[in-house]
Amino acid sequence: MQLAVNIAVLASIYALISCGYVLIYRTSRVLNLAHGELMMLGAYGLFTTASLFGRHPLAAIAMSAVLALVVGVLVYVVLMRRMTGESVLAAVLTTIALGILLRGAMVLVFGAQEQHPLPLLGFENASIAIGDARISAVSLTLVLATAAVYLGLWAFLRYTVWGIRMRAAGQNPLLAAQRGIGLHAIYALAWGLATLTAGLAGMLIACDAALDQTMVMIGLKAFPAALVGGLDSLLGALVGALVVAAAEVLLIYYVDPLLSDVVPFAVLLAMLVFRPWGLFGTREELDRV
């Protein structure tokens, strides 16, 4: 039972992060390799707002979420908009440079020591019993938040005007532009939502454990989950996260804990050999890359 709980928590972490990879790629065909740094920036945003508004935890959390959304939009408006129409390689290299810049800036501003935002918010991470297994309150919140995010994204993309526009821009940007859809607004929204979900994941991870520079590695490990599921499928990101998390937890438990950083990429290599476009990805979409 405890193994199942651990798999569910780790899969939720990977799924919440990897949906950001999918949103940006599905909309604009850009691989955002600064996603881990943006996730960590969201966690530092919570630490900052918690330090300033610790007596009002809900306001601090809401403000950090808004900041994450605004940061994502600004990244597109200031930087990635200039990459529109350029080669895929140029856009990917831009995100790599952005990630390096953000990582260095966060070290300069916040230092390299561990930070713990949860006590600043006045909350305790209680342990909850589920049968003969246990889960922390923040981990349970993370699982529920992941479910809520995926349900919300599904409803947004299927039933709202902006969600339908986003799907149209991803399927055929030229036709969407001819029908009056503003592509730059759609791309900015995609970056904002992706950074918001990544920031939410970073905030919850920081509250459950700690906030330091190693958080970037978690964002990097979520990238194979998105690729295993298929970069143009939110359902694929969810299933890929579950596959990668199950393999990681089981090998840690039965083989060696030192394999934790290796397993996601081993699963990715196996998937690339047998089905390079992912479990739910579209082969034609991969060919475009």
C-alpha atoms as a PDB file:
ATOM      1  CA  MET A   1       0.000   0.000   0.000  1.00  0.00           C
ATOM      2  CA  GLN A   2       2.816   2.391   0.840  1.00  0.00           C
ATOM      3  CA  LEU A   3       4.406   1.706  -2.549  1.00  0.00           C
ATOM      4  CA  ALA A   4       1.149   2.634  -4.280  1.00  0.00           C
ATOM      5  CA  VAL A   5       0.942   5.880  -2.313  1.00  0.00           C
ATOM      6  CA  ASN A   6       4.557   6.735  -3.151  1.00  0.00           C
ATOM      7  CA  ILE A   7       3.923   6.059  -6.845  1.00  0.00           C
ATOM      8  CA  ALA A   8       0.791   8.232  -6.805  1.00  0.00           C
ATOM      9  CA  VAL A   9       2.654  11.148  -5.195  1.00  0.00           C
ATOM     10  CA  LEU A  10       5.650  10.959  -7.549  1.00  0.00           C
ATOM     11  CA  ALA A  11       3.377  10.528 -10.586  1.00  0.00           C
ATOM     12  CA  SER A  12       1.433  13.614  -9.498  1.00  0.00           C
ATOM     13  CA  ILE A  13       4.656  15.625  -9.285  1.00  0.00           C
ATOM     14  CA  TYR A  14       5.780  14.553 -12.744  1.00  0.00           C
ATOM     15  CA  ALA A  15       2.301  15.023 -14.247  1.00  0.00           C
ATOM     16  CA  LEU A  16       1.876  18.520 -12.826  1.00  0.00           C
ATOM     17  CA  ILE A  17       5.245  19.568 -14.230  1.00  0.00           C
ATOM     18  CA  SER A  18       5.028  17.768 -17.572  1.00  0.00           C
ATOM     19  CA  CYS A  19       1.654  19.281 -18.501  1.00  0.00           C
ATOM     20  CA  GLY A  20       3.546  22.572 -18.905  1.00  0.00           C
ATOM     21  CA  TYR A  21       5.907  20.980 -21.415  1.00  0.00           C
ATOM     22  CA  VAL A  22       2.867  19.704 -23.326  1.00  0.00           C
ATOM     23  CA  LEU A  23       0.956  23.005 -23.279  1.00  0.00           C
ATOM     24  CA  ILE A  24       3.834  24.959 -24.792  1.00  0.00           C
ATOM     25  CA  TYR A  25       4.806  22.322 -27.339  1.00  0.00           C
ATOM     26  CA  ARG A  26       1.237  21.558 -28.348  1.00  0.00           C
ATOM     27  CA  THR A  27       0.509  25.241 -28.953  1.00  0.00           C
ATOM     28  CA  SER A  28       3.745  26.610 -30.406  1.00  0.00           C
ATOM     29  CA  ARG A  29       5.956  23.565 -31.151  1.00  0.00           C
ATOM     30  CA  VAL A  30       8.676  24.830 -28.791  1.00  0.00           C
ATOM     31  CA  LEU A  31      10.499  22.598 -26.306  1.00  0.00           C
ATOM     32  CA  ASN A  32      10.849  24.686 -23.155  1.00  0.00           C
ATOM     33  CA  LEU A  33      14.055  23.436 -21.518  1.00  0.00           C
ATOM     34  CA  ALA A  34      13.861  26.225 -18.913  1.00  0.00           C
ATOM     35  CA  HIS A  35      10.744  24.659 -17.395  1.00  0.00           C
ATOM     36  CA  GLY A  36      12.575  23.365 -14.318  1.00  0.00           C
ATOM     37  CA  GLU A  37      14.019  26.793 -13.595  1.00  0.00           C
ATOM     38  CA  LEU A  38      10.602  28.420 -14.000  1.00  0.00           C
ATOM     39  CA  MET A  39       9.209  25.854 -11.570  1.00  0.00           C
ATOM     40  CA  MET A  40      11.899  26.741  -9.051  1.00  0.00           C
ATOM     41  CA  LEU A  41      11.234  30.446  -9.607  1.00  0.00           C
ATOM     42  CA  GLY A  42       7.592  29.822  -8.696  1.00  0.00           C
ATOM     43  CA  ALA A  43       8.700  28.155  -5.464  1.00  0.00           C
ATOM     44  CA  TYR A  44      10.936  31.103  -4.612  1.00  0.00           C
ATOM     45  CA  GLY A  45       7.983  33.359  -5.381  1.00  0.00           C
ATOM     46  CA  LEU A  46       6.007  31.564  -2.674  1.00  0.00           C
ATOM     47  CA  PHE A  47       8.925  31.877  -0.274  1.00  0.00           C
ATOM     48  CA  THR A  48       9.045  35.627  -0.935  1.00  0.00           C
ATOM     49  CA  THR A  49       5.319  36.212  -0.551  1.00  0.00           C
ATOM     50  CA  ALA A  50       5.219  33.998   2.552  1.00  0.00           C
ATOM     51  CA  SER A  51       8.009  36.087   4.071  1.00  0.00           C
ATOM     52  CA  LEU A  52       6.096  39.284   3.327  1.00  0.00           C
ATOM     53  CA  PHE A  53       2.534  38.159   4.063  1.00  0.00           C
ATOM     54  CA  GLY A  54       2.995  35.242   6.452  1.00  0.00           C
ATOM     55  CA  ARG A  55       0.018  36.326   8.544  1.00  0.00           C
ATOM     56  CA  HIS A  56      -2.216  36.000   5.496  1.00  0.00           C
ATOM     57  CA  PRO A  57      -1.215  32.627   3.984  1.00  0.00           C
ATOM     58  CA  LEU A  58      -4.030  32.450   1.438  1.00  0.00           C
ATOM     59  CA  ALA A  59      -3.114  35.897   0.115  1.00  0.00           C
ATOM     60  CA  ALA A  60       0.547  34.845  -0.087  1.00  0.00           C
ATOM     61  CA  ILE A  61      -0.325  31.687  -2.021  1.00  0.00           C
ATOM     62  CA  ALA A  62      -2.663  33.538  -4.385  1.00  0.00           C
ATOM     63  CA  MET A  63      -0.091  36.253  -5.017  1.00  0.00           C
ATOM     64  CA  SER A  64       2.645  33.718  -5.778  1.00  0.00           C
ATOM     65  CA  ALA A  65       0.332  31.962  -8.253  1.00  0.00           C
ATOM     66  CA  VAL A  66      -0.435  35.249 -10.006  1.00  0.00           C
ATOM     67  CA  LEU A  67       3.288  36.053 -10.132  1.00  0.00           C
ATOM     68  CA  ALA A  68       4.001  32.681 -11.767  1.00  0.00           C
ATOM     69  CA  LEU A  69       1.338  33.352 -14.409  1.00  0.00           C
ATOM     70  CA  VAL A  70       2.689  36.847 -15.079  1.00  0.00           C
ATOM     71  CA  VAL A  71       6.273  35.583 -15.326  1.00  0.00           C
ATOM     72  CA  GLY A  72       5.240  33.052 -17.969  1.00  0.00           C
ATOM     73  CA  VAL A  73       3.488  35.711 -20.032  1.00  0.00           C
ATOM     74  CA  LEU A  74       6.474  38.054 -19.713  1.00  0.00           C
ATOM     75  CA  VAL A  75       8.895  35.325 -20.815  1.00  0.00           C
ATOM     76  CA  TYR A  76       6.945  35.003 -24.033  1.00  0.00           C
ATOM     77  CA  VAL A  77       6.348  38.725 -24.615  1.00  0.00           C
ATOM     78  CA  VAL A  78       9.916  39.822 -23.863  1.00  0.00           C
ATOM     79  CA  LEU A  79      11.897  36.854 -25.176  1.00  0.00           C
ATOM     80  CA  MET A  80      10.116  34.015 -26.962  1.00  0.00           C
ATOM     81  CA  ARG A  81       7.974  36.249 -29.201  1.00  0.00           C
ATOM     82  CA  ARG A  82      11.166  37.181 -31.016  1.00  0.00           C
ATOM     83  CA  MET A  83      11.673  33.478 -31.801  1.00  0.00           C
ATOM     84  CA  THR A  84       8.377  33.228 -33.681  1.00  0.00           C
ATOM     85  CA  GLY A  85       9.152  32.120 -37.232  1.00  0.00           C
ATOM     86  CA  GLU A  86      12.735  31.201 -36.365  1.00  0.00           C
ATOM     87  CA  SER A  87      14.091  27.656 -36.454  1.00  0.00           C
ATOM     88  CA  VAL A  88      13.130  25.188 -33.746  1.00  0.00           C
ATOM     89  CA  LEU A  89      16.778  24.916 -32.714  1.00  0.00           C
ATOM     90  CA  ALA A  90      17.014  28.670 -32.102  1.00  0.00           C
ATOM     91  CA  ALA A  91      13.957  28.602 -29.850  1.00  0.00           C
ATOM     92  CA  VAL A  92      15.244  25.597 -27.875  1.00  0.00           C
ATOM     93  CA  LEU A  93      18.671  27.189 -27.395  1.00  0.00           C
ATOM     94  CA  THR A  94      16.946  30.353 -26.200  1.00  0.00           C
ATOM     95  CA  THR A  95      15.117  28.405 -23.479  1.00  0.00           C
ATOM     96  CA  ILE A  96      18.396  26.757 -22.428  1.00  0.00           C
ATOM     97  CA  ALA A  97      20.039  30.178 -22.105  1.00  0.00           C
ATOM     98  CA  LEU A  98      17.020  31.437 -20.180  1.00  0.00           C
ATOM     99  CA  GLY A  99      17.270  28.525 -17.756  1.00  0.00           C
ATOM    100  CA  ILE A 100      20.955  29.150 -17.074  1.00  0.00           C
ATOM    101  CA  LEU A 101      20.285  32.860 -16.542  1.00  0.00           C
ATOM    102  CA  LEU A 102      17.392  32.197 -14.142  1.00  0.00           C
ATOM    103  CA  ARG A 103      19.382  29.663 -12.146  1.00  0.00           C
ATOM    104  CA  GLY A 104      22.273  32.057 -11.680  1.00  0.00           C
ATOM    105  CA  ALA A 105      19.952  34.927 -10.787  1.00  0.00           C
ATOM    106  CA  MET A 106      18.165  32.855  -8.133  1.00  0.00           C
ATOM    107  CA  VAL A 107      21.482  31.877  -6.535  1.00  0.00           C
ATOM    108  CA  LEU A 108      22.530  35.544  -6.418  1.00  0.00           C
ATOM    109  CA  VAL A 109      19.222  36.748  -4.960  1.00  0.00           C
ATOM    110  CA  PHE A 110      18.231  33.922  -2.616  1.00  0.00           C
ATOM    111  CA  GLY A 111      21.530  32.156  -1.953  1.00  0.00           C
ATOM    112  CA  ALA A 112      22.234  28.433  -2.152  1.00  0.00           C
ATOM    113  CA  GLN A 113      20.958  27.427   1.300  1.00  0.00           C
ATOM    114  CA  GLU A 114      17.763  25.471   1.876  1.00  0.00           C
ATOM    115  CA  GLN A 115      14.563  27.427   2.434  1.00  0.00           C
ATOM    116  CA  HIS A 116      11.338  26.225   4.062  1.00  0.00           C
ATOM    117  CA  PRO A 117       8.273  28.256   3.060  1.00  0.00           C
ATOM    118  CA  LEU A 118       5.682  26.121   4.887  1.00  0.00           C
ATOM    119  CA  PRO A 119       6.504  27.366   8.435  1.00  0.00           C
ATOM    120  CA  LEU A 120       6.366  30.937   7.153  1.00  0.00           C
ATOM    121  CA  LEU A 121       2.784  30.294   6.054  1.00  0.00           C
ATOM    122  CA  GLY A 122       1.893  28.995   9.520  1.00  0.00           C
ATOM    123  CA  PHE A 123       0.945  25.503   8.310  1.00  0.00           C
ATOM    124  CA  GLU A 124       2.085  22.088   9.518  1.00  0.00           C
ATOM    125  CA  ASN A 125       2.763  19.120   7.251  1.00  0.00           C
ATOM    126  CA  ALA A 126       0.800  16.519   9.188  1.00  0.00           C
ATOM    127  CA  SER A 127       1.021  12.808   8.405  1.00  0.00           C
ATOM    128  CA  ILE A 128      -2.251  11.192   7.298  1.00  0.00           C
ATOM    129  CA  ALA A 129      -2.993   7.458   7.494  1.00  0.00           C
ATOM    130  CA  ILE A 130      -4.498   5.743   4.435  1.00  0.00           C
ATOM    131  CA  GLY A 131      -5.004   2.131   5.414  1.00  0.00           C
ATOM    132  CA  ASP A 132      -1.595   0.855   6.459  1.00  0.00           C
ATOM    133  CA  ALA A 133       0.190   3.590   4.465  1.00  0.00           C
ATOM    134  CA  ARG A 134       0.929   7.186   5.344  1.00  0.00           C
ATOM    135  CA  ILE A 135       1.025  10.363   3.295  1.00  0.00           C
ATOM    136  CA  SER A 136       1.855  13.924   4.261  1.00  0.00           C
ATOM    137  CA  ALA A 137      -0.818  16.594   4.066  1.00  0.00           C
ATOM    138  CA  VAL A 138       1.121  18.512   1.404  1.00  0.00           C
ATOM    139  CA  SER A 139       1.602  15.359  -0.694  1.00  0.00           C
ATOM    140  CA  LEU A 140      -2.128  14.672  -0.534  1.00  0.00           C
ATOM    141  CA  THR A 141      -2.753  18.282  -1.566  1.00  0.00           C
ATOM    142  CA  LEU A 142      -0.369  17.789  -4.477  1.00  0.00           C
ATOM    143  CA  VAL A 143      -2.268  14.715  -5.698  1.00  0.00           C
ATOM    144  CA  LEU A 144      -5.587  16.552  -5.471  1.00  0.00           C
ATOM    145  CA  ALA A 145      -4.125  19.672  -7.108  1.00  0.00           C
ATOM    146  CA  THR A 146      -2.829  17.612 -10.033  1.00  0.00           C
ATOM    147  CA  ALA A 147      -6.241  16.053 -10.550  1.00  0.00           C
ATOM    148  CA  ALA A 148      -7.870  19.496 -10.392  1.00  0.00           C
ATOM    149  CA  VAL A 149      -5.355  21.003 -12.853  1.00  0.00           C
ATOM    150  CA  TYR A 150      -5.853  18.255 -15.440  1.00  0.00           C
ATOM    151  CA  LEU A 151      -9.629  18.417 -15.103  1.00  0.00           C
ATOM    152  CA  GLY A 152      -9.491  22.196 -15.408  1.00  0.00           C
ATOM    153  CA  LEU A 153      -7.231  22.095 -18.464  1.00  0.00           C
ATOM    154  CA  TRP A 154      -9.457  19.504 -20.143  1.00  0.00           C
ATOM    155  CA  ALA A 155     -12.534  21.657 -19.582  1.00  0.00           C
ATOM    156  CA  PHE A 156     -10.680  24.823 -20.637  1.00  0.00           C
ATOM    157  CA  LEU A 157      -9.385  23.352 -23.904  1.00  0.00           C
ATOM    158  CA  ARG A 158     -12.685  21.693 -24.772  1.00  0.00           C
ATOM    159  CA  TYR A 159     -15.370  24.166 -23.766  1.00  0.00           C
ATOM    160  CA  THR A 160     -13.960  27.704 -23.591  1.00  0.00           C
ATOM    161  CA  VAL A 161     -13.382  30.119 -26.466  1.00  0.00           C
ATOM    162  CA  TRP A 162      -9.721  30.660 -25.608  1.00  0.00           C
ATOM    163  CA  GLY A 163      -9.163  26.922 -25.172  1.00  0.00           C
ATOM    164  CA  ILE A 164     -10.614  26.194 -28.610  1.00  0.00           C
ATOM    165  CA  ARG A 165      -8.473  28.970 -30.065  1.00  0.00           C
ATOM    166  CA  MET A 166      -5.417  27.423 -28.431  1.00  0.00           C
ATOM    167  CA  ARG A 167      -6.209  24.030 -29.956  1.00  0.00           C
ATOM    168  CA  ALA A 168      -6.745  25.635 -33.351  1.00  0.00           C
ATOM    169  CA  ALA A 169      -3.436  27.504 -33.165  1.00  0.00           C
ATOM    170  CA  GLY A 170      -1.641  24.280 -32.310  1.00  0.00           C
ATOM    171  CA  GLN A 171      -3.229  22.301 -35.145  1.00  0.00           C
ATOM    172  CA  ASN A 172      -2.864  24.855 -37.931  1.00  0.00           C
ATOM    173  CA  PRO A 173      -1.414  28.258 -36.978  1.00  0.00           C
ATOM    174  CA  LEU A 174      -1.673  29.706 -40.484  1.00  0.00           C
ATOM    175  CA  LEU A 175      -5.361  28.875 -40.832  1.00  0.00           C
ATOM    176  CA  ALA A 176      -6.016  30.069 -37.269  1.00  0.00           C
ATOM    177  CA  ALA A 177      -4.376  33.417 -38.037  1.00  0.00           C
ATOM    178  CA  GLN A 178      -6.417  33.755 -41.230  1.00  0.00           C
ATOM    179  CA  ARG A 179      -9.588  33.231 -39.182  1.00  0.00           C
ATOM    180  CA  GLY A 180      -8.667  36.158 -36.922  1.00  0.00           C
ATOM    181  CA  ILE A 181      -7.088  34.318 -33.992  1.00  0.00           C
ATOM    182  CA  GLY A 182      -4.248  36.326 -32.445  1.00  0.00           C
ATOM    183  CA  LEU A 183      -1.407  33.835 -32.281  1.00  0.00           C
ATOM    184  CA  HIS A 184       0.791  35.938 -30.007  1.00  0.00           C
ATOM    185  CA  ALA A 185      -1.979  36.191 -27.409  1.00  0.00           C
ATOM    186  CA  ILE A 186      -2.513  32.415 -27.584  1.00  0.00           C
ATOM    187  CA  TYR A 187       1.196  31.688 -27.224  1.00  0.00           C
ATOM    188  CA  ALA A 188       1.488  34.091 -24.293  1.00  0.00           C
ATOM    189  CA  LEU A 189      -1.461  32.389 -22.592  1.00  0.00           C
ATOM    190  CA  ALA A 190       0.119  28.973 -23.132  1.00  0.00           C
ATOM    191  CA  TRP A 191       3.390  30.133 -21.563  1.00  0.00           C
ATOM    192  CA  GLY A 192       1.496  31.708 -18.677  1.00  0.00           C
ATOM    193  CA  LEU A 193      -0.527  28.561 -17.938  1.00  0.00           C
ATOM    194  CA  ALA A 194       2.540  26.326 -18.276  1.00  0.00           C
ATOM    195  CA  THR A 195       4.551  28.474 -15.873  1.00  0.00           C
ATOM    196  CA  LEU A 196       1.598  28.605 -13.474  1.00  0.00           C
ATOM    197  CA  THR A 197       1.313  24.803 -13.318  1.00  0.00           C
ATOM    198  CA  ALA A 198       5.080  24.433 -12.978  1.00  0.00           C
ATOM    199  CA  GLY A 199       5.149  27.074 -10.254  1.00  0.00           C
ATOM    200  CA  LEU A 200       2.338  25.299  -8.415  1.00  0.00           C
ATOM    201  CA  ALA A 201       4.350  22.087  -8.512  1.00  0.00           C
ATOM    202  CA  GLY A 202       7.434  23.907  -7.226  1.00  0.00           C
ATOM    203  CA  MET A 203       5.477  25.519  -4.388  1.00  0.00           C
ATOM    204  CA  LEU A 204       4.046  22.193  -3.219  1.00  0.00           C
ATOM    205  CA  ILE A 205       7.380  20.387  -3.486  1.00  0.00           C
ATOM    206  CA  ALA A 206       9.077  23.152  -1.486  1.00  0.00           C
ATOM    207  CA  CYS A 207       6.377  22.955   1.196  1.00  0.00           C
ATOM    208  CA  ASP A 208       6.605  19.167   1.393  1.00  0.00           C
ATOM    209  CA  ALA A 209      10.411  18.941   1.503  1.00  0.00           C
ATOM    210  CA  ALA A 210      12.631  21.991   1.046  1.00  0.00           C
ATOM    211  CA  LEU A 211      13.543  24.622  -1.499  1.00  0.00           C
ATOM    212  CA  ASP A 212      17.042  24.577  -2.960  1.00  0.00           C
ATOM    213  CA  GLN A 213      18.858  24.452  -6.286  1.00  0.00           C
ATOM    214  CA  THR A 214      18.383  20.686  -6.687  1.00  0.00           C
ATOM    215  CA  MET A 215      14.705  21.300  -7.491  1.00  0.00           C
ATOM    216  CA  VAL A 216      15.745  21.886 -11.104  1.00  0.00           C
ATOM    217  CA  MET A 217      16.554  18.173 -11.344  1.00  0.00           C
ATOM    218  CA  ILE A 218      12.930  17.314 -10.587  1.00  0.00           C
ATOM    219  CA  GLY A 219      11.827  19.471 -13.494  1.00  0.00           C
ATOM    220  CA  LEU A 220      14.341  17.739 -15.740  1.00  0.00           C
ATOM    221  CA  LYS A 221      13.135  14.296 -14.633  1.00  0.00           C
ATOM    222  CA  ALA A 222       9.574  15.252 -15.563  1.00  0.00           C
ATOM    223  CA  PHE A 223      10.650  15.864 -19.171  1.00  0.00           C
ATOM    224  CA  PRO A 224      10.936  12.108 -19.940  1.00  0.00           C
ATOM    225  CA  ALA A 225       7.401  11.655 -18.584  1.00  0.00           C
ATOM    226  CA  ALA A 226       6.098  14.158 -21.155  1.00  0.00           C
ATOM    227  CA  LEU A 227       8.063  12.461 -23.954  1.00  0.00           C
ATOM    228  CA  VAL A 228       7.021   8.959 -22.941  1.00  0.00           C
ATOM    229  CA  GLY A 229       3.363   9.959 -22.997  1.00  0.00           C
ATOM    230  CA  GLY A 230       3.621  12.069 -26.142  1.00  0.00           C
ATOM    231  CA  LEU A 231       4.463  15.759 -26.283  1.00  0.00           C
ATOM    232  CA  ASP A 232       1.172  16.759 -27.897  1.00  0.00           C
ATOM    233  CA  SER A 233      -1.122  14.932 -25.456  1.00  0.00           C
ATOM    234  CA  LEU A 234      -2.162  15.941 -21.934  1.00  0.00           C
ATOM    235  CA  LEU A 235      -3.506  12.426 -21.350  1.00  0.00           C
ATOM    236  CA  GLY A 236      -0.143  11.141 -22.503  1.00  0.00           C
ATOM    237  CA  ALA A 237       1.639  13.353 -19.972  1.00  0.00           C
ATOM    238  CA  LEU A 238      -0.522  11.871 -17.214  1.00  0.00           C
ATOM    239  CA  VAL A 239       0.070   8.275 -18.310  1.00  0.00           C
ATOM    240  CA  GLY A 240       3.766   8.902 -18.972  1.00  0.00           C
ATOM    241  CA  ALA A 241       4.161  10.355 -15.483  1.00  0.00           C
ATOM    242  CA  LEU A 242       2.555   7.250 -14.008  1.00  0.00           C
ATOM    243  CA  VAL A 243       4.813   4.925 -16.033  1.00  0.00           C
ATOM    244  CA  VAL A 244       8.004   6.779 -15.111  1.00  0.00           C
ATOM    245  CA  ALA A 245       7.028   7.160 -11.450  1.00  0.00           C
ATOM    246  CA  ALA A 246       6.111   3.475 -11.099  1.00  0.00           C
ATOM    247  CA  ALA A 247       9.394   2.373 -12.644  1.00  0.00           C
ATOM    248  CA  GLU A 248      11.371   4.761 -10.450  1.00  0.00           C
ATOM    249  CA  VAL A 249       9.683   3.860  -7.148  1.00  0.00           C
ATOM    250  CA  LEU A 250       9.819   0.104  -7.784  1.00  0.00           C
ATOM    251  CA  LEU A 251      13.488   0.121  -8.775  1.00  0.00           C
ATOM    252  CA  ILE A 252      14.357   2.319  -5.791  1.00  0.00           C
ATOM    253  CA  TYR A 253      12.537  -0.064  -3.457  1.00  0.00           C
ATOM    254  CA  TYR A 254      13.678  -3.380  -4.921  1.00  0.00           C
ATOM    255  CA  VAL A 255      17.091  -2.534  -6.413  1.00  0.00           C
ATOM    256  CA  ASP A 256      18.950   0.608  -5.306  1.00  0.00           C
ATOM    257  CA  PRO A 257      17.879   4.153  -4.263  1.00  0.00           C
ATOM    258  CA  LEU A 258      20.815   5.565  -6.239  1.00  0.00           C
ATOM    259  CA  LEU A 259      18.919   4.712  -9.434  1.00  0.00           C
ATOM    260  CA  SER A 260      16.345   7.460  -8.844  1.00  0.00           C
ATOM    261  CA  ASP A 261      18.007   9.982 -11.175  1.00  0.00           C
ATOM    262  CA  VAL A 262      18.665   7.376 -13.875  1.00  0.00           C
ATOM    263  CA  VAL A 263      15.335   5.562 -14.200  1.00  0.00           C
ATOM    264  CA  PRO A 264      13.294   8.293 -15.985  1.00  0.00           C
ATOM    265  CA  PHE A 265      15.886   8.592 -18.732  1.00  0.00           C
ATOM    266  CA  ALA A 266      16.245   4.808 -19.036  1.00  0.00           C
ATOM    267  CA  VAL A 267      12.481   4.577 -19.570  1.00  0.00           C
ATOM    268  CA  LEU A 268      12.728   7.403 -22.101  1.00  0.00           C
ATOM    269  CA  LEU A 269      15.471   5.613 -24.058  1.00  0.00           C
ATOM    270  CA  ALA A 270      13.388   2.431 -24.170  1.00  0.00           C
ATOM    271  CA  MET A 271      10.391   4.395 -25.449  1.00  0.00           C
ATOM    272  CA  LEU A 272      12.477   6.165 -28.103  1.00  0.00           C
ATOM    273  CA  VAL A 273      13.617   2.782 -29.434  1.00  0.00           C
ATOM    274  CA  PHE A 274      10.147   1.252 -29.765  1.00  0.00           C
ATOM    275  CA  ARG A 275       7.762   4.231 -30.131  1.00  0.00           C
ATOM    276  CA  PRO A 276       9.633   7.545 -30.464  1.00  0.00           C
ATOM    277  CA  TRP A 277       6.456   9.639 -30.723  1.00  0.00           C
ATOM    278  CA  GLY A 278       5.240   8.453 -27.301  1.00  0.00           C
ATOM    279  CA  LEU A 279       2.294   6.417 -26.067  1.00  0.00           C
ATOM    280  CA  PHE A 280      -0.382   8.968 -27.034  1.00  0.00           C
ATOM    281  CA  GLY A 281       1.638  11.272 -29.275  1.00  0.00           C
ATOM    282  CA  THR A 282       1.005  11.775 -32.968  1.00  0.00           C
ATOM    283  CA  ARG A 283       3.646  10.505 -35.336  1.00  0.00           C
ATOM    284  CA  GLU A 284       3.107  13.330 -37.809  1.00  0.00           C
ATOM    285  CA  GLU A 285       3.691  15.893 -35.048  1.00  0.00           C
ATOM    286  CA  LEU A 286       7.039  14.327 -34.216  1.00  0.00           C
ATOM    287  CA  ASP A 287       8.073  14.377 -37.853  1.00  0.00           C
ATOM    288  CA  ARG A 288       7.633  18.163 -37.875  1.00  0.00           C
ATOM    289  CA  VAL A 289      10.336  18.503 -35.229  1.00  0.00           C
END
